[in-house]
Amino acid sequence: MVKPDAVARGLVGEIIAIVEREGFVVERLELQRFDRAKAEAFYDVHRGKAFFESLIEFITSGPVVAMVLAGEKGIARVRELMGATDPAQAAPGTMRRKYGESVERNAVHGSDGAASAASEIAVVFGD
């Protein structure tokens, strides 16, 4: 997912180009704006944590571009392309290092496993 900070800065095309150059196929793509209920469902795993409220406020602050990508070893490879959650800790050349502004405003989100991918896709796309 391209988060609101990166959408607002006009980085959607660059981020999609990165994943396509790496051989991923964009199977589904949709510009949407999360309401609070969708945001809470999406980030339910973080409910009760100190940063939960600010995470909800941020993800609902503007549109996101949600995607389903297909590719060999997809989750691991996308996470490698994204880099560490904290852009300052992310490896050079990763999306978060290039485009992230902070731990929260880090440009992109990617599922951390098959189960979370299935859950997140269901929340985002309703299926």
N, C-alpha and C. Protein backbone atom coordinates (compact mmCIF):
# COMPACT_ATOMS: atom_id res chain seq x y z
N MET A 1 0.85 -1.17 0.00
CA MET A 1 0.00 0.00 0.00
C MET A 1 0.89 1.23 0.00
N VAL A 2 0.50 2.20 -0.81
CA VAL A 2 1.15 3.50 -0.77
C VAL A 2 0.34 4.32 0.23
N LYS A 3 1.01 4.77 1.29
CA LYS A 3 0.35 5.47 2.39
C LYS A 3 0.06 6.93 2.03
N PRO A 4 -0.80 7.58 2.84
CA PRO A 4 -1.21 8.96 2.54
C PRO A 4 -0.07 9.94 2.33
N ASP A 5 1.03 9.81 3.06
CA ASP A 5 2.13 10.75 2.90
C ASP A 5 2.74 10.66 1.51
N ALA A 6 2.91 9.44 1.01
CA ALA A 6 3.51 9.25 -0.31
C ALA A 6 2.53 9.60 -1.43
N VAL A 7 1.24 9.33 -1.22
CA VAL A 7 0.24 9.73 -2.20
C VAL A 7 0.23 11.25 -2.33
N ALA A 8 0.23 11.94 -1.21
CA ALA A 8 0.20 13.40 -1.21
C ALA A 8 1.44 14.00 -1.89
N ARG A 9 2.56 13.30 -1.84
CA ARG A 9 3.79 13.80 -2.43
C ARG A 9 3.99 13.35 -3.87
N GLY A 10 2.98 12.68 -4.44
CA GLY A 10 3.04 12.30 -5.84
C GLY A 10 3.99 11.15 -6.14
N LEU A 11 4.13 10.21 -5.22
CA LEU A 11 5.09 9.12 -5.37
C LEU A 11 4.47 7.80 -5.82
N VAL A 12 3.19 7.78 -6.09
CA VAL A 12 2.50 6.53 -6.45
C VAL A 12 3.16 5.88 -7.67
N GLY A 13 3.34 6.62 -8.72
CA GLY A 13 3.93 6.06 -9.95
C GLY A 13 5.32 5.52 -9.73
N GLU A 14 6.14 6.24 -8.96
CA GLU A 14 7.50 5.78 -8.69
C GLU A 14 7.49 4.47 -7.91
N ILE A 15 6.61 4.37 -6.93
CA ILE A 15 6.55 3.16 -6.10
C ILE A 15 6.05 1.97 -6.93
N ILE A 16 5.04 2.19 -7.75
CA ILE A 16 4.56 1.11 -8.61
C ILE A 16 5.66 0.69 -9.59
N ALA A 17 6.38 1.65 -10.13
CA ALA A 17 7.48 1.33 -11.06
C ALA A 17 8.54 0.47 -10.40
N ILE A 18 8.85 0.74 -9.14
CA ILE A 18 9.85 -0.06 -8.42
C ILE A 18 9.40 -1.51 -8.33
N VAL A 19 8.16 -1.75 -7.92
CA VAL A 19 7.71 -3.14 -7.76
C VAL A 19 7.59 -3.84 -9.12
N GLU A 20 7.19 -3.10 -10.15
CA GLU A 20 7.11 -3.71 -11.48
C GLU A 20 8.50 -4.03 -12.03
N ARG A 21 9.45 -3.14 -11.83
CA ARG A 21 10.82 -3.42 -12.29
C ARG A 21 11.40 -4.65 -11.61
N GLU A 22 10.95 -4.93 -10.40
CA GLU A 22 11.42 -6.10 -9.66
C GLU A 22 10.69 -7.37 -10.07
N GLY A 23 9.82 -7.26 -11.07
CA GLY A 23 9.15 -8.44 -11.61
C GLY A 23 7.80 -8.76 -11.03
N PHE A 24 7.29 -7.90 -10.17
CA PHE A 24 5.97 -8.14 -9.61
C PHE A 24 4.88 -7.75 -10.60
N VAL A 25 3.77 -8.43 -10.53
CA VAL A 25 2.59 -8.11 -11.33
C VAL A 25 1.57 -7.48 -10.39
N VAL A 26 1.06 -6.32 -10.78
CA VAL A 26 0.00 -5.68 -10.01
C VAL A 26 -1.31 -6.36 -10.42
N GLU A 27 -1.85 -7.17 -9.52
CA GLU A 27 -3.08 -7.90 -9.81
C GLU A 27 -4.33 -7.08 -9.50
N ARG A 28 -4.19 -6.17 -8.58
CA ARG A 28 -5.32 -5.34 -8.18
C ARG A 28 -4.76 -4.03 -7.64
N LEU A 29 -5.45 -2.94 -7.96
CA LEU A 29 -5.00 -1.62 -7.52
C LEU A 29 -6.22 -0.73 -7.35
N GLU A 30 -6.26 -0.02 -6.25
CA GLU A 30 -7.41 0.85 -6.01
C GLU A 30 -7.03 2.02 -5.12
N LEU A 31 -7.40 3.21 -5.54
CA LEU A 31 -7.27 4.40 -4.71
C LEU A 31 -8.47 4.44 -3.78
N GLN A 32 -8.22 4.53 -2.50
CA GLN A 32 -9.31 4.61 -1.54
C GLN A 32 -8.94 5.49 -0.35
N ARG A 33 -9.94 5.83 0.39
CA ARG A 33 -9.73 6.57 1.64
C ARG A 33 -10.33 5.75 2.76
N PHE A 34 -9.51 5.37 3.72
CA PHE A 34 -9.97 4.57 4.85
C PHE A 34 -10.81 5.43 5.79
N ASP A 35 -11.96 4.90 6.20
CA ASP A 35 -12.68 5.52 7.31
C ASP A 35 -12.13 4.88 8.59
N ARG A 36 -12.59 5.37 9.72
CA ARG A 36 -12.06 4.88 11.00
C ARG A 36 -12.28 3.39 11.17
N ALA A 37 -13.47 2.90 10.83
CA ALA A 37 -13.77 1.48 11.01
C ALA A 37 -12.83 0.60 10.19
N LYS A 38 -12.59 0.98 8.94
CA LYS A 38 -11.68 0.20 8.09
C LYS A 38 -10.26 0.27 8.63
N ALA A 39 -9.84 1.45 9.06
CA ALA A 39 -8.49 1.62 9.61
C ALA A 39 -8.30 0.75 10.86
N GLU A 40 -9.29 0.75 11.74
CA GLU A 40 -9.18 -0.06 12.95
C GLU A 40 -9.14 -1.54 12.62
N ALA A 41 -9.92 -1.97 11.66
CA ALA A 41 -9.88 -3.37 11.25
C ALA A 41 -8.54 -3.72 10.63
N PHE A 42 -8.01 -2.83 9.81
CA PHE A 42 -6.74 -3.07 9.13
C PHE A 42 -5.59 -3.19 10.14
N TYR A 43 -5.58 -2.30 11.12
CA TYR A 43 -4.50 -2.27 12.11
C TYR A 43 -4.90 -2.92 13.44
N ASP A 44 -5.85 -3.80 13.42
CA ASP A 44 -6.34 -4.44 14.64
C ASP A 44 -5.21 -5.10 15.44
N VAL A 45 -4.23 -5.62 14.77
CA VAL A 45 -3.10 -6.28 15.44
C VAL A 45 -2.37 -5.32 16.38
N HIS A 46 -2.50 -4.02 16.14
CA HIS A 46 -1.82 -3.02 16.98
C HIS A 46 -2.75 -2.40 18.03
N ARG A 47 -3.98 -2.85 18.10
CA ARG A 47 -4.93 -2.30 19.06
C ARG A 47 -4.36 -2.44 20.48
N GLY A 48 -4.48 -1.37 21.25
CA GLY A 48 -3.99 -1.39 22.62
C GLY A 48 -2.55 -0.89 22.76
N LYS A 49 -1.86 -0.74 21.65
CA LYS A 49 -0.49 -0.23 21.70
C LYS A 49 -0.52 1.29 21.76
N ALA A 50 0.53 1.88 22.29
CA ALA A 50 0.59 3.32 22.50
C ALA A 50 0.41 4.12 21.21
N PHE A 51 0.85 3.57 20.10
CA PHE A 51 0.81 4.31 18.83
C PHE A 51 -0.45 4.05 18.01
N PHE A 52 -1.38 3.24 18.52
CA PHE A 52 -2.57 2.86 17.75
C PHE A 52 -3.37 4.08 17.28
N GLU A 53 -3.67 5.00 18.16
CA GLU A 53 -4.50 6.16 17.79
C GLU A 53 -3.82 7.02 16.72
N SER A 54 -2.53 7.27 16.87
CA SER A 54 -1.87 8.10 15.86
C SER A 54 -1.79 7.37 14.53
N LEU A 55 -1.66 6.05 14.56
CA LEU A 55 -1.66 5.25 13.34
C LEU A 55 -3.00 5.38 12.62
N ILE A 56 -4.09 5.30 13.37
CA ILE A 56 -5.44 5.43 12.79
C ILE A 56 -5.62 6.84 12.22
N GLU A 57 -5.21 7.85 12.96
CA GLU A 57 -5.33 9.22 12.47
C GLU A 57 -4.55 9.42 11.17
N PHE A 58 -3.35 8.86 11.12
CA PHE A 58 -2.53 9.02 9.93
C PHE A 58 -3.13 8.32 8.72
N ILE A 59 -3.50 7.06 8.86
CA ILE A 59 -3.95 6.29 7.69
C ILE A 59 -5.30 6.81 7.17
N THR A 60 -6.05 7.51 8.01
CA THR A 60 -7.31 8.10 7.56
C THR A 60 -7.15 9.56 7.11
N SER A 61 -5.93 10.07 7.13
CA SER A 61 -5.70 11.49 6.82
C SER A 61 -5.75 11.83 5.34
N GLY A 62 -5.72 10.83 4.49
CA GLY A 62 -5.74 11.07 3.05
C GLY A 62 -5.87 9.76 2.31
N PRO A 63 -5.95 9.81 1.00
CA PRO A 63 -6.11 8.58 0.24
C PRO A 63 -4.86 7.71 0.29
N VAL A 64 -5.10 6.41 0.08
CA VAL A 64 -4.03 5.42 -0.06
C VAL A 64 -4.23 4.73 -1.40
N VAL A 65 -3.17 4.10 -1.89
CA VAL A 65 -3.29 3.26 -3.08
C VAL A 65 -3.00 1.84 -2.61
N ALA A 66 -4.05 1.04 -2.58
CA ALA A 66 -3.93 -0.35 -2.13
C ALA A 66 -3.66 -1.23 -3.34
N MET A 67 -2.80 -2.22 -3.15
CA MET A 67 -2.43 -3.12 -4.25
C MET A 67 -2.35 -4.55 -3.77
N VAL A 68 -2.60 -5.45 -4.69
CA VAL A 68 -2.28 -6.86 -4.51
C VAL A 68 -1.22 -7.16 -5.56
N LEU A 69 -0.07 -7.60 -5.09
CA LEU A 69 1.04 -7.91 -5.98
C LEU A 69 1.26 -9.41 -6.04
N ALA A 70 1.71 -9.89 -7.18
CA ALA A 70 2.03 -11.30 -7.34
C ALA A 70 3.47 -11.42 -7.81
N GLY A 71 4.18 -12.35 -7.21
CA GLY A 71 5.56 -12.59 -7.60
C GLY A 71 6.17 -13.66 -6.73
N GLU A 72 7.20 -14.29 -7.23
CA GLU A 72 7.88 -15.35 -6.50
C GLU A 72 8.47 -14.81 -5.20
N LYS A 73 8.21 -15.55 -4.10
CA LYS A 73 8.67 -15.13 -2.77
C LYS A 73 8.24 -13.69 -2.48
N GLY A 74 7.01 -13.39 -2.86
CA GLY A 74 6.51 -12.02 -2.87
C GLY A 74 6.60 -11.26 -1.57
N ILE A 75 6.13 -11.84 -0.49
CA ILE A 75 6.10 -11.09 0.77
C ILE A 75 7.51 -10.73 1.21
N ALA A 76 8.40 -11.69 1.19
CA ALA A 76 9.78 -11.43 1.63
C ALA A 76 10.45 -10.40 0.72
N ARG A 77 10.25 -10.52 -0.56
CA ARG A 77 10.89 -9.59 -1.50
C ARG A 77 10.33 -8.18 -1.39
N VAL A 78 9.02 -8.06 -1.22
CA VAL A 78 8.44 -6.72 -1.06
C VAL A 78 8.94 -6.08 0.22
N ARG A 79 9.02 -6.86 1.28
CA ARG A 79 9.50 -6.31 2.55
C ARG A 79 10.95 -5.85 2.42
N GLU A 80 11.74 -6.57 1.64
CA GLU A 80 13.12 -6.16 1.39
C GLU A 80 13.16 -4.86 0.60
N LEU A 81 12.29 -4.74 -0.41
CA LEU A 81 12.22 -3.50 -1.20
C LEU A 81 11.78 -2.31 -0.36
N MET A 82 10.86 -2.56 0.60
CA MET A 82 10.36 -1.48 1.44
C MET A 82 11.43 -0.99 2.40
N GLY A 83 12.16 -1.90 3.03
CA GLY A 83 13.14 -1.54 4.03
C GLY A 83 12.54 -1.51 5.42
N ALA A 84 13.37 -1.22 6.40
CA ALA A 84 12.95 -1.18 7.80
C ALA A 84 11.86 -0.13 8.01
N THR A 85 11.01 -0.36 9.01
CA THR A 85 9.91 0.55 9.33
C THR A 85 10.41 1.97 9.55
N ASP A 86 11.51 2.12 10.24
CA ASP A 86 12.11 3.43 10.48
C ASP A 86 13.00 3.78 9.29
N PRO A 87 12.63 4.79 8.52
CA PRO A 87 13.43 5.15 7.34
C PRO A 87 14.91 5.39 7.66
N ALA A 88 15.20 5.89 8.85
CA ALA A 88 16.59 6.14 9.24
C ALA A 88 17.38 4.85 9.39
N GLN A 89 16.66 3.75 9.65
CA GLN A 89 17.30 2.44 9.82
C GLN A 89 17.23 1.60 8.55
N ALA A 90 16.48 2.06 7.57
CA ALA A 90 16.28 1.29 6.33
C ALA A 90 17.55 1.32 5.48
N ALA A 91 17.76 0.23 4.76
CA ALA A 91 18.95 0.13 3.90
C ALA A 91 18.87 1.14 2.76
N PRO A 92 20.02 1.63 2.33
CA PRO A 92 20.05 2.54 1.18
C PRO A 92 19.36 1.90 -0.04
N GLY A 93 18.62 2.72 -0.77
CA GLY A 93 17.94 2.25 -1.97
C GLY A 93 16.56 1.69 -1.74
N THR A 94 16.18 1.45 -0.47
CA THR A 94 14.84 0.93 -0.20
C THR A 94 13.81 2.07 -0.29
N MET A 95 12.56 1.69 -0.47
CA MET A 95 11.50 2.70 -0.61
C MET A 95 11.38 3.56 0.64
N ARG A 96 11.46 2.95 1.79
CA ARG A 96 11.31 3.76 3.01
C ARG A 96 12.50 4.68 3.23
N ARG A 97 13.68 4.23 2.86
CA ARG A 97 14.86 5.11 3.00
C ARG A 97 14.74 6.30 2.04
N LYS A 98 14.28 6.03 0.81
CA LYS A 98 14.17 7.09 -0.19
C LYS A 98 12.99 8.02 0.07
N TYR A 99 11.85 7.46 0.48
CA TYR A 99 10.62 8.24 0.52
C TYR A 99 10.02 8.45 1.92
N GLY A 100 10.48 7.71 2.91
CA GLY A 100 9.91 7.82 4.25
C GLY A 100 10.39 9.07 4.98
N GLU A 101 9.51 9.60 5.80
CA GLU A 101 9.82 10.80 6.57
C GLU A 101 10.00 10.50 8.05
N SER A 102 9.35 9.42 8.53
CA SER A 102 9.42 9.04 9.94
C SER A 102 8.93 7.60 10.07
N VAL A 103 8.96 7.07 11.26
CA VAL A 103 8.47 5.71 11.49
C VAL A 103 7.01 5.58 11.05
N GLU A 104 6.21 6.57 11.33
CA GLU A 104 4.79 6.52 10.97
C GLU A 104 4.58 6.92 9.51
N ARG A 105 5.21 7.96 9.09
CA ARG A 105 5.07 8.47 7.72
C ARG A 105 6.18 7.87 6.86
N ASN A 106 6.08 6.56 6.65
CA ASN A 106 7.16 5.84 5.98
C ASN A 106 6.80 5.36 4.58
N ALA A 107 5.83 6.01 3.96
CA ALA A 107 5.50 5.89 2.53
C ALA A 107 4.74 4.63 2.12
N VAL A 108 5.10 3.47 2.65
CA VAL A 108 4.50 2.23 2.17
C VAL A 108 4.19 1.27 3.32
N HIS A 109 3.25 0.38 3.04
CA HIS A 109 2.93 -0.72 3.95
C HIS A 109 2.94 -2.00 3.15
N GLY A 110 3.44 -3.05 3.75
CA GLY A 110 3.40 -4.38 3.14
C GLY A 110 3.11 -5.41 4.20
N SER A 111 2.35 -6.40 3.85
CA SER A 111 2.01 -7.47 4.78
C SER A 111 3.27 -8.20 5.23
N ASP A 112 3.23 -8.69 6.48
CA ASP A 112 4.40 -9.38 7.02
C ASP A 112 4.32 -10.89 6.93
N GLY A 113 3.24 -11.41 6.39
CA GLY A 113 3.10 -12.85 6.23
C GLY A 113 1.83 -13.18 5.46
N ALA A 114 1.67 -14.45 5.14
CA ALA A 114 0.52 -14.87 4.34
C ALA A 114 -0.80 -14.63 5.06
N ALA A 115 -0.84 -14.90 6.36
CA ALA A 115 -2.08 -14.71 7.12
C ALA A 115 -2.47 -13.24 7.19
N SER A 116 -1.49 -12.37 7.45
CA SER A 116 -1.82 -10.95 7.51
C SER A 116 -2.19 -10.42 6.13
N ALA A 117 -1.55 -10.94 5.08
CA ALA A 117 -1.91 -10.53 3.72
C ALA A 117 -3.37 -10.87 3.42
N ALA A 118 -3.77 -12.08 3.75
CA ALA A 118 -5.17 -12.49 3.51
C ALA A 118 -6.14 -11.60 4.28
N SER A 119 -5.82 -11.34 5.54
CA SER A 119 -6.68 -10.49 6.37
C SER A 119 -6.73 -9.07 5.84
N GLU A 120 -5.58 -8.50 5.49
CA GLU A 120 -5.52 -7.13 5.01
C GLU A 120 -6.23 -6.98 3.66
N ILE A 121 -6.07 -7.94 2.79
CA ILE A 121 -6.75 -7.88 1.49
C ILE A 121 -8.26 -7.92 1.69
N ALA A 122 -8.71 -8.75 2.61
CA ALA A 122 -10.14 -8.84 2.91
C ALA A 122 -10.68 -7.52 3.45
N VAL A 123 -9.93 -6.88 4.33
CA VAL A 123 -10.37 -5.60 4.89
C VAL A 123 -10.38 -4.53 3.80
N VAL A 124 -9.32 -4.44 3.04
CA VAL A 124 -9.17 -3.37 2.05
C VAL A 124 -10.13 -3.52 0.89
N PHE A 125 -10.23 -4.73 0.35
CA PHE A 125 -11.02 -4.94 -0.86
C PHE A 125 -12.38 -5.59 -0.60
N GLY A 126 -12.62 -6.00 0.63
CA GLY A 126 -13.93 -6.55 0.98
C GLY A 126 -14.17 -7.96 0.50
N ASP A 127 -13.09 -8.69 0.20
CA ASP A 127 -13.26 -10.09 -0.21
C ASP A 127 -12.10 -10.95 0.26
